[in-house]
Amino acid sequence: DIVNVLLFGGKKVVEEETLFDAVTDSALKIDGRVRFQDRDVAKYWKDSQINIALLGIENQTTPNKLMPFRVISYDGTEYGKQSRTENIDKKKYPVISLVLYLGFEQKWLYPKNLLGIIDVDEKLRPYVNDYKINLFEIAYLDREIIDSFKSDFWILADYLYQMRVNKNYVADKKFIGHIEELLMLMSAMTGDKRFEDIIDEANTKEVVNMCEVLDIVEARGIEKGIEKGIEKGREEGADLISRLNT
């Protein structure tokens, strides 16, 4: 859904059953030391057994000035794998990385290409290959584009858009297909651990939309407030009894 909306204008070009998990981690030898890097999401898009492309997705909640370096590293690793001797006769495929910026309080102001972040002597510039990243600022997409999402990602995109425009979120009753994954993402994105804490309860109650999710979150907040009030009352009562006995 993300790829179809952001790359193909909402047309259903990529079918779910044509996507297959790819290895997200890889090892690099830098300065004699082995270092590991890990993509957020990587999927092979296949036609029969032939790879059409490797699709990578990187989620960013805050802007990263060096994002072009990271994307080059991820993409280069996959191209390097295709250059190995055992793959020499296999059909070669492109690597397409999408960077999803999930912040809503400020825009992504850093350069989105290699030449924007490195210092290059003008005499060398003609020989330096530029590398641009496919960056999408979800909260800043046109409303029409956001409403093109058909999956649970619409809920996240709608949340980000509302928080940017209205500084407030009004939940929708759109059906949630993958409640646990959505709540984990909401928790990571907002820093509000209550989304993660209510996963078991949401599954037990068979929650199906964000209205029901927020009802549980609110109830948990009220419950904790009552518990704190009771505890504070106990402390004040104990203190009063202590003073009466002195």
C-alpha atoms as a PDB file:
ATOM      1  CA  ASP A   1       0.000   0.000   0.000  1.00  0.00           C
ATOM      2  CA  ILE A   2       2.807   2.412   0.911  1.00  0.00           C
ATOM      3  CA  VAL A   3       4.667   1.704  -2.323  1.00  0.00           C
ATOM      4  CA  ASN A   4       1.541   1.888  -4.480  1.00  0.00           C
ATOM      5  CA  VAL A   5       0.511   5.277  -3.076  1.00  0.00           C
ATOM      6  CA  LEU A   6       3.912   6.959  -2.846  1.00  0.00           C
ATOM      7  CA  LEU A   7       5.478   5.598  -6.041  1.00  0.00           C
ATOM      8  CA  PHE A   8       2.527   4.846  -8.304  1.00  0.00           C
ATOM      9  CA  GLY A   9      -0.072   7.463  -7.407  1.00  0.00           C
ATOM     10  CA  GLY A  10      -2.394   4.989  -5.695  1.00  0.00           C
ATOM     11  CA  LYS A  11      -2.559   2.515  -8.582  1.00  0.00           C
ATOM     12  CA  LYS A  12      -2.409  -1.114  -7.478  1.00  0.00           C
ATOM     13  CA  VAL A  13       0.836  -1.990  -9.224  1.00  0.00           C
ATOM     14  CA  VAL A  14       2.403  -4.049  -6.430  1.00  0.00           C
ATOM     15  CA  GLU A  15       0.288  -6.933  -5.126  1.00  0.00           C
ATOM     16  CA  GLU A  16       0.779  -8.139  -1.550  1.00  0.00           C
ATOM     17  CA  GLU A  17       1.376 -11.732  -2.651  1.00  0.00           C
ATOM     18  CA  THR A  18       4.302 -10.640  -4.863  1.00  0.00           C
ATOM     19  CA  LEU A  19       6.305  -9.326  -1.892  1.00  0.00           C
ATOM     20  CA  PHE A  20       8.697 -11.598  -0.025  1.00  0.00           C
ATOM     21  CA  ASP A  21      10.822 -10.922   3.048  1.00  0.00           C
ATOM     22  CA  ALA A  22      14.453 -10.053   2.409  1.00  0.00           C
ATOM     23  CA  VAL A  23      17.304 -10.126   4.904  1.00  0.00           C
ATOM     24  CA  THR A  24      17.398  -6.736   6.637  1.00  0.00           C
ATOM     25  CA  ASP A  25      20.813  -6.960   8.283  1.00  0.00           C
ATOM     26  CA  SER A  26      24.236  -7.015   6.659  1.00  0.00           C
ATOM     27  CA  ALA A  27      27.871  -6.838   7.722  1.00  0.00           C
ATOM     28  CA  LEU A  28      30.449  -4.312   6.536  1.00  0.00           C
ATOM     29  CA  LYS A  29      34.188  -4.299   7.112  1.00  0.00           C
ATOM     30  CA  ILE A  30      35.260  -0.750   7.976  1.00  0.00           C
ATOM     31  CA  ASP A  31      38.763   0.129   9.183  1.00  0.00           C
ATOM     32  CA  GLY A  32      39.475  -3.549   9.722  1.00  0.00           C
ATOM     33  CA  ARG A  33      36.426  -4.025  11.942  1.00  0.00           C
ATOM     34  CA  VAL A  34      33.175  -5.758  11.083  1.00  0.00           C
ATOM     35  CA  ARG A  35      30.146  -3.544  11.601  1.00  0.00           C
ATOM     36  CA  PHE A  36      26.495  -4.412  11.174  1.00  0.00           C
ATOM     37  CA  GLN A  37      23.733  -2.354   9.603  1.00  0.00           C
ATOM     38  CA  ASP A  38      20.037  -3.098   9.660  1.00  0.00           C
ATOM     39  CA  ARG A  39      17.230  -1.849   7.440  1.00  0.00           C
ATOM     40  CA  ASP A  40      13.788  -1.298   8.979  1.00  0.00           C
ATOM     41  CA  VAL A  41      11.945  -3.175   6.216  1.00  0.00           C
ATOM     42  CA  ALA A  42      13.183  -5.006   3.109  1.00  0.00           C
ATOM     43  CA  LYS A  43      11.027  -6.887   0.599  1.00  0.00           C
ATOM     44  CA  TYR A  44      11.754  -8.546  -2.709  1.00  0.00           C
ATOM     45  CA  TRP A  45       9.150  -7.709  -5.320  1.00  0.00           C
ATOM     46  CA  LYS A  46       8.969 -10.770  -7.549  1.00  0.00           C
ATOM     47  CA  ASP A  47       7.377 -11.939 -10.765  1.00  0.00           C
ATOM     48  CA  SER A  48       7.383 -15.736 -10.544  1.00  0.00           C
ATOM     49  CA  GLN A  49      10.889 -16.435  -9.208  1.00  0.00           C
ATOM     50  CA  ILE A  50      12.513 -13.372 -10.785  1.00  0.00           C
ATOM     51  CA  ASN A  51      13.263 -10.310  -8.645  1.00  0.00           C
ATOM     52  CA  ILE A  52      11.751  -7.144 -10.087  1.00  0.00           C
ATOM     53  CA  ALA A  53      13.252  -4.975  -7.347  1.00  0.00           C
ATOM     54  CA  LEU A  54      14.303  -4.863  -3.732  1.00  0.00           C
ATOM     55  CA  LEU A  55      12.099  -2.404  -1.844  1.00  0.00           C
ATOM     56  CA  GLY A  56      13.517  -0.975   1.362  1.00  0.00           C
ATOM     57  CA  ILE A  57      11.727   1.250   3.866  1.00  0.00           C
ATOM     58  CA  GLU A  58      13.405   3.365   6.531  1.00  0.00           C
ATOM     59  CA  ASN A  59      11.293   5.037   9.232  1.00  0.00           C
ATOM     60  CA  GLN A  60      12.570   8.306  10.702  1.00  0.00           C
ATOM     61  CA  THR A  61      10.859  10.131  13.567  1.00  0.00           C
ATOM     62  CA  THR A  62      13.528  12.856  13.563  1.00  0.00           C
ATOM     63  CA  PRO A  63      15.489  14.370  10.654  1.00  0.00           C
ATOM     64  CA  ASN A  64      18.918  12.828  10.035  1.00  0.00           C
ATOM     65  CA  LYS A  65      21.456  15.003   8.258  1.00  0.00           C
ATOM     66  CA  LEU A  66      23.439  11.980   7.054  1.00  0.00           C
ATOM     67  CA  MET A  67      20.500   9.983   5.680  1.00  0.00           C
ATOM     68  CA  PRO A  68      21.910   9.944   2.117  1.00  0.00           C
ATOM     69  CA  PHE A  69      25.001   8.142   3.451  1.00  0.00           C
ATOM     70  CA  ARG A  70      22.857   5.536   5.178  1.00  0.00           C
ATOM     71  CA  VAL A  71      20.720   4.884   2.120  1.00  0.00           C
ATOM     72  CA  ILE A  72      23.784   4.582  -0.125  1.00  0.00           C
ATOM     73  CA  SER A  73      25.214   2.041   2.302  1.00  0.00           C
ATOM     74  CA  TYR A  74      22.014  -0.036   2.354  1.00  0.00           C
ATOM     75  CA  ASP A  75      21.550   0.075  -1.412  1.00  0.00           C
ATOM     76  CA  GLY A  76      25.221  -0.536  -2.145  1.00  0.00           C
ATOM     77  CA  THR A  77      25.212  -3.677  -0.022  1.00  0.00           C
ATOM     78  CA  GLU A  78      22.424  -5.183  -2.139  1.00  0.00           C
ATOM     79  CA  TYR A  79      24.118  -4.215  -5.400  1.00  0.00           C
ATOM     80  CA  GLY A  80      27.352  -5.673  -4.061  1.00  0.00           C
ATOM     81  CA  LYS A  81      25.579  -8.957  -3.403  1.00  0.00           C
ATOM     82  CA  GLN A  82      24.398  -9.042  -7.022  1.00  0.00           C
ATOM     83  CA  SER A  83      27.996  -8.595  -8.203  1.00  0.00           C
ATOM     84  CA  ARG A  84      29.245 -11.761  -6.529  1.00  0.00           C
ATOM     85  CA  THR A  85      30.536 -14.545  -8.746  1.00  0.00           C
ATOM     86  CA  GLU A  86      27.683 -16.893  -7.856  1.00  0.00           C
ATOM     87  CA  ASN A  87      25.169 -14.281  -9.056  1.00  0.00           C
ATOM     88  CA  ILE A  88      26.941 -13.223 -12.236  1.00  0.00           C
ATOM     89  CA  ASP A  89      24.466 -14.918 -14.610  1.00  0.00           C
ATOM     90  CA  LYS A  90      21.332 -14.015 -12.673  1.00  0.00           C
ATOM     91  CA  LYS A  91      19.052 -11.201 -13.784  1.00  0.00           C
ATOM     92  CA  LYS A  92      19.986  -7.952 -12.079  1.00  0.00           C
ATOM     93  CA  TYR A  93      17.372  -5.783 -10.365  1.00  0.00           C
ATOM     94  CA  PRO A  94      17.180  -2.256  -8.931  1.00  0.00           C
ATOM     95  CA  VAL A  95      17.174  -1.338  -5.263  1.00  0.00           C
ATOM     96  CA  ILE A  96      14.593   1.271  -4.266  1.00  0.00           C
ATOM     97  CA  SER A  97      14.671   2.760  -0.787  1.00  0.00           C
ATOM     98  CA  LEU A  98      11.853   4.862   0.655  1.00  0.00           C
ATOM     99  CA  VAL A  99      12.562   7.051   3.669  1.00  0.00           C
ATOM    100  CA  LEU A 100       9.369   7.767   5.605  1.00  0.00           C
ATOM    101  CA  TYR A 101       9.701  10.844   7.801  1.00  0.00           C
ATOM    102  CA  LEU A 102       7.149  10.475  10.591  1.00  0.00           C
ATOM    103  CA  GLY A 103       7.729  13.779  12.367  1.00  0.00           C
ATOM    104  CA  PHE A 104       5.018  16.439  12.398  1.00  0.00           C
ATOM    105  CA  GLU A 105       6.453  19.300  14.475  1.00  0.00           C
ATOM    106  CA  GLN A 106       9.040  20.359  11.901  1.00  0.00           C
ATOM    107  CA  LYS A 107       9.783  19.671   8.253  1.00  0.00           C
ATOM    108  CA  TRP A 108      12.820  17.789   7.005  1.00  0.00           C
ATOM    109  CA  LEU A 109      15.251  20.623   6.281  1.00  0.00           C
ATOM    110  CA  TYR A 110      18.397  18.621   5.561  1.00  0.00           C
ATOM    111  CA  PRO A 111      19.593  17.916   2.006  1.00  0.00           C
ATOM    112  CA  LYS A 112      18.132  14.878   0.290  1.00  0.00           C
ATOM    113  CA  ASN A 113      21.132  14.153  -1.899  1.00  0.00           C
ATOM    114  CA  LEU A 114      24.802  13.287  -1.515  1.00  0.00           C
ATOM    115  CA  LEU A 115      26.208  16.508  -2.973  1.00  0.00           C
ATOM    116  CA  GLY A 116      24.133  18.447  -0.467  1.00  0.00           C
ATOM    117  CA  ILE A 117      26.064  17.065   2.505  1.00  0.00           C
ATOM    118  CA  ILE A 118      29.648  16.688   1.286  1.00  0.00           C
ATOM    119  CA  ASP A 119      32.263  19.324   0.526  1.00  0.00           C
ATOM    120  CA  VAL A 120      33.417  18.932  -3.059  1.00  0.00           C
ATOM    121  CA  ASP A 121      36.004  20.988  -4.869  1.00  0.00           C
ATOM    122  CA  GLU A 122      34.422  22.466  -7.992  1.00  0.00           C
ATOM    123  CA  LYS A 123      37.105  20.841 -10.138  1.00  0.00           C
ATOM    124  CA  LEU A 124      36.033  17.427  -8.806  1.00  0.00           C
ATOM    125  CA  ARG A 125      32.278  17.954  -8.891  1.00  0.00           C
ATOM    126  CA  PRO A 126      31.796  16.714 -12.505  1.00  0.00           C
ATOM    127  CA  TYR A 127      33.259  13.347 -11.463  1.00  0.00           C
ATOM    128  CA  VAL A 128      31.290  12.835  -8.264  1.00  0.00           C
ATOM    129  CA  ASN A 129      28.116  10.825  -8.718  1.00  0.00           C
ATOM    130  CA  ASP A 130      25.189  12.365  -6.883  1.00  0.00           C
ATOM    131  CA  TYR A 131      22.787  10.122  -5.007  1.00  0.00           C
ATOM    132  CA  LYS A 132      19.275  11.229  -4.150  1.00  0.00           C
ATOM    133  CA  ILE A 133      17.027   9.673  -1.521  1.00  0.00           C
ATOM    134  CA  ASN A 134      13.300   9.095  -1.922  1.00  0.00           C
ATOM    135  CA  LEU A 135      12.080  10.935   1.150  1.00  0.00           C
ATOM    136  CA  PHE A 136       8.391  11.316   1.992  1.00  0.00           C
ATOM    137  CA  GLU A 137       7.211  13.638   4.769  1.00  0.00           C
ATOM    138  CA  ILE A 138       4.025  11.809   5.707  1.00  0.00           C
ATOM    139  CA  ALA A 139       2.486  14.550   7.879  1.00  0.00           C
ATOM    140  CA  TYR A 140       2.992  17.058   5.062  1.00  0.00           C
ATOM    141  CA  LEU A 141       1.429  15.032   2.249  1.00  0.00           C
ATOM    142  CA  ASP A 142      -1.689  16.436   0.592  1.00  0.00           C
ATOM    143  CA  ARG A 143      -4.875  15.183   2.227  1.00  0.00           C
ATOM    144  CA  GLU A 144      -5.855  13.560  -1.053  1.00  0.00           C
ATOM    145  CA  ILE A 145      -2.687  11.452  -1.020  1.00  0.00           C
ATOM    146  CA  ILE A 146      -3.168  10.439   2.619  1.00  0.00           C
ATOM    147  CA  ASP A 147      -6.699   9.302   1.863  1.00  0.00           C
ATOM    148  CA  SER A 148      -5.332   7.098  -0.923  1.00  0.00           C
ATOM    149  CA  PHE A 149      -3.877   4.684   1.635  1.00  0.00           C
ATOM    150  CA  LYS A 150      -6.083   1.634   2.057  1.00  0.00           C
ATOM    151  CA  SER A 151      -4.155  -0.244   4.768  1.00  0.00           C
ATOM    152  CA  ASP A 152      -3.571   0.450   8.467  1.00  0.00           C
ATOM    153  CA  PHE A 153      -0.927   2.950   7.339  1.00  0.00           C
ATOM    154  CA  TRP A 154      -3.798   5.371   6.666  1.00  0.00           C
ATOM    155  CA  ILE A 155      -4.437   5.506  10.426  1.00  0.00           C
ATOM    156  CA  LEU A 156      -0.840   6.504  11.115  1.00  0.00           C
ATOM    157  CA  ALA A 157      -0.775   9.017   8.257  1.00  0.00           C
ATOM    158  CA  ASP A 158      -4.103  10.497   9.396  1.00  0.00           C
ATOM    159  CA  TYR A 159      -2.770  10.834  12.952  1.00  0.00           C
ATOM    160  CA  LEU A 160       0.382  12.642  11.772  1.00  0.00           C
ATOM    161  CA  TYR A 161      -1.596  14.950   9.480  1.00  0.00           C
ATOM    162  CA  GLN A 162      -4.084  15.887  12.202  1.00  0.00           C
ATOM    163  CA  MET A 163      -1.343  16.527  14.757  1.00  0.00           C
ATOM    164  CA  ARG A 164       0.464  18.822  12.320  1.00  0.00           C
ATOM    165  CA  VAL A 165      -2.612  20.745  11.186  1.00  0.00           C
ATOM    166  CA  ASN A 166      -4.823  20.742  14.293  1.00  0.00           C
ATOM    167  CA  LYS A 167      -2.343  19.951  17.110  1.00  0.00           C
ATOM    168  CA  ASN A 168      -4.949  17.408  18.178  1.00  0.00           C
ATOM    169  CA  TYR A 169      -6.120  13.958  17.130  1.00  0.00           C
ATOM    170  CA  VAL A 170      -9.738  12.902  16.630  1.00  0.00           C
ATOM    171  CA  ALA A 171      -9.941   9.128  16.233  1.00  0.00           C
ATOM    172  CA  ASP A 172     -11.704   7.466  13.331  1.00  0.00           C
ATOM    173  CA  LYS A 173     -13.681   4.216  13.244  1.00  0.00           C
ATOM    174  CA  LYS A 174     -11.725   2.810  10.302  1.00  0.00           C
ATOM    175  CA  PHE A 175     -11.131  -0.921  10.783  1.00  0.00           C
ATOM    176  CA  ILE A 176      -7.657  -1.889  12.036  1.00  0.00           C
ATOM    177  CA  GLY A 177      -6.344  -5.024  10.365  1.00  0.00           C
ATOM    178  CA  HIS A 178      -3.142  -5.477  12.386  1.00  0.00           C
ATOM    179  CA  ILE A 179      -3.798  -4.068  15.846  1.00  0.00           C
ATOM    180  CA  GLU A 180      -0.590  -5.222  17.550  1.00  0.00           C
ATOM    181  CA  GLU A 181       1.725  -3.909  14.839  1.00  0.00           C
ATOM    182  CA  LEU A 182      -0.120  -0.581  14.680  1.00  0.00           C
ATOM    183  CA  LEU A 183       0.012  -0.051  18.447  1.00  0.00           C
ATOM    184  CA  MET A 184       3.725  -0.874  18.536  1.00  0.00           C
ATOM    185  CA  LEU A 185       4.339   1.668  15.777  1.00  0.00           C
ATOM    186  CA  MET A 186       2.185   4.318  17.482  1.00  0.00           C
ATOM    187  CA  SER A 187       4.085   3.731  20.719  1.00  0.00           C
ATOM    188  CA  ALA A 188       7.483   4.051  19.045  1.00  0.00           C
ATOM    189  CA  MET A 189       6.448   7.099  17.055  1.00  0.00           C
ATOM    190  CA  THR A 190       4.767   9.074  19.844  1.00  0.00           C
ATOM    191  CA  GLY A 191       6.911   7.907  22.757  1.00  0.00           C
ATOM    192  CA  ASP A 192       3.662   7.079  24.575  1.00  0.00           C
ATOM    193  CA  LYS A 193       4.155   3.596  26.043  1.00  0.00           C
ATOM    194  CA  ARG A 194       0.433   3.289  26.832  1.00  0.00           C
ATOM    195  CA  PHE A 195      -0.172   2.171  23.244  1.00  0.00           C
ATOM    196  CA  GLU A 196       2.218  -0.724  23.789  1.00  0.00           C
ATOM    197  CA  ASP A 197       0.908  -1.441  27.291  1.00  0.00           C
ATOM    198  CA  ILE A 198      -2.664  -2.032  26.116  1.00  0.00           C
ATOM    199  CA  ILE A 199      -1.849  -4.550  23.354  1.00  0.00           C
ATOM    200  CA  ASP A 200      -2.971  -7.578  25.378  1.00  0.00           C
ATOM    201  CA  GLU A 201      -6.178  -5.855  26.478  1.00  0.00           C
ATOM    202  CA  ALA A 202      -6.883  -4.674  22.921  1.00  0.00           C
ATOM    203  CA  ASN A 203      -6.479  -8.236  21.640  1.00  0.00           C
ATOM    204  CA  THR A 204      -8.668  -9.643  24.418  1.00  0.00           C
ATOM    205  CA  LYS A 205     -11.421  -7.116  23.749  1.00  0.00           C
ATOM    206  CA  GLU A 206     -11.027  -7.563  19.979  1.00  0.00           C
ATOM    207  CA  VAL A 207     -10.550  -3.848  19.412  1.00  0.00           C
ATOM    208  CA  VAL A 208     -11.156  -2.909  15.778  1.00  0.00           C
ATOM    209  CA  ASN A 209     -10.659   0.875  15.537  1.00  0.00           C
ATOM    210  CA  MET A 210      -8.787   3.812  17.078  1.00  0.00           C
ATOM    211  CA  CYS A 211     -11.864   5.058  18.951  1.00  0.00           C
ATOM    212  CA  GLU A 212     -11.808   1.843  20.970  1.00  0.00           C
ATOM    213  CA  VAL A 213      -8.029   2.066  21.376  1.00  0.00           C
ATOM    214  CA  LEU A 214      -8.254   5.561  22.852  1.00  0.00           C
ATOM    215  CA  ASP A 215     -11.101   4.473  25.143  1.00  0.00           C
ATOM    216  CA  ILE A 216      -8.770   1.872  26.677  1.00  0.00           C
ATOM    217  CA  VAL A 217      -5.874   4.343  26.877  1.00  0.00           C
ATOM    218  CA  GLU A 218      -8.121   6.895  28.594  1.00  0.00           C
ATOM    219  CA  ALA A 219      -9.504   4.288  30.995  1.00  0.00           C
ATOM    220  CA  ARG A 220      -5.956   3.251  31.891  1.00  0.00           C
ATOM    221  CA  GLY A 221      -5.095   6.884  32.569  1.00  0.00           C
ATOM    222  CA  ILE A 222      -8.146   7.375  34.787  1.00  0.00           C
ATOM    223  CA  GLU A 223      -7.391   4.113  36.596  1.00  0.00           C
ATOM    224  CA  LYS A 224      -3.819   5.191  37.286  1.00  0.00           C
ATOM    225  CA  GLY A 225      -5.057   8.600  38.419  1.00  0.00           C
ATOM    226  CA  ILE A 226      -7.455   6.957  40.881  1.00  0.00           C
ATOM    227  CA  GLU A 227      -4.684   4.666  42.142  1.00  0.00           C
ATOM    228  CA  LYS A 228      -2.393   7.651  42.679  1.00  0.00           C
ATOM    229  CA  GLY A 229      -5.200   9.514  44.442  1.00  0.00           C
ATOM    230  CA  ILE A 230      -5.871   6.567  46.756  1.00  0.00           C
ATOM    231  CA  GLU A 231      -2.163   6.178  47.498  1.00  0.00           C
ATOM    232  CA  LYS A 232      -1.817   9.892  48.191  1.00  0.00           C
ATOM    233  CA  GLY A 233      -4.873   9.727  50.452  1.00  0.00           C
ATOM    234  CA  ARG A 234      -3.348   6.830  52.362  1.00  0.00           C
ATOM    235  CA  GLU A 235      -0.095   8.735  52.809  1.00  0.00           C
ATOM    236  CA  GLU A 236      -1.897  11.864  54.003  1.00  0.00           C
ATOM    237  CA  GLY A 237      -4.091   9.785  56.315  1.00  0.00           C
ATOM    238  CA  ALA A 238      -1.091   7.993  57.788  1.00  0.00           C
ATOM    239  CA  ASP A 239       0.657  11.327  58.282  1.00  0.00           C
ATOM    240  CA  LEU A 240      -2.411  12.746  60.048  1.00  0.00           C
ATOM    241  CA  ILE A 241      -2.681   9.719  62.356  1.00  0.00           C
ATOM    242  CA  SER A 242       1.024  10.013  63.125  1.00  0.00           C
ATOM    243  CA  ARG A 243       0.606  13.666  64.115  1.00  0.00           C
ATOM    244  CA  LEU A 244      -2.431  12.883  66.270  1.00  0.00           C
ATOM    245  CA  ASN A 245      -0.412  10.326  68.186  1.00  0.00           C
ATOM    246  CA  THR A 246       2.400  12.739  68.987  1.00  0.00           C
END
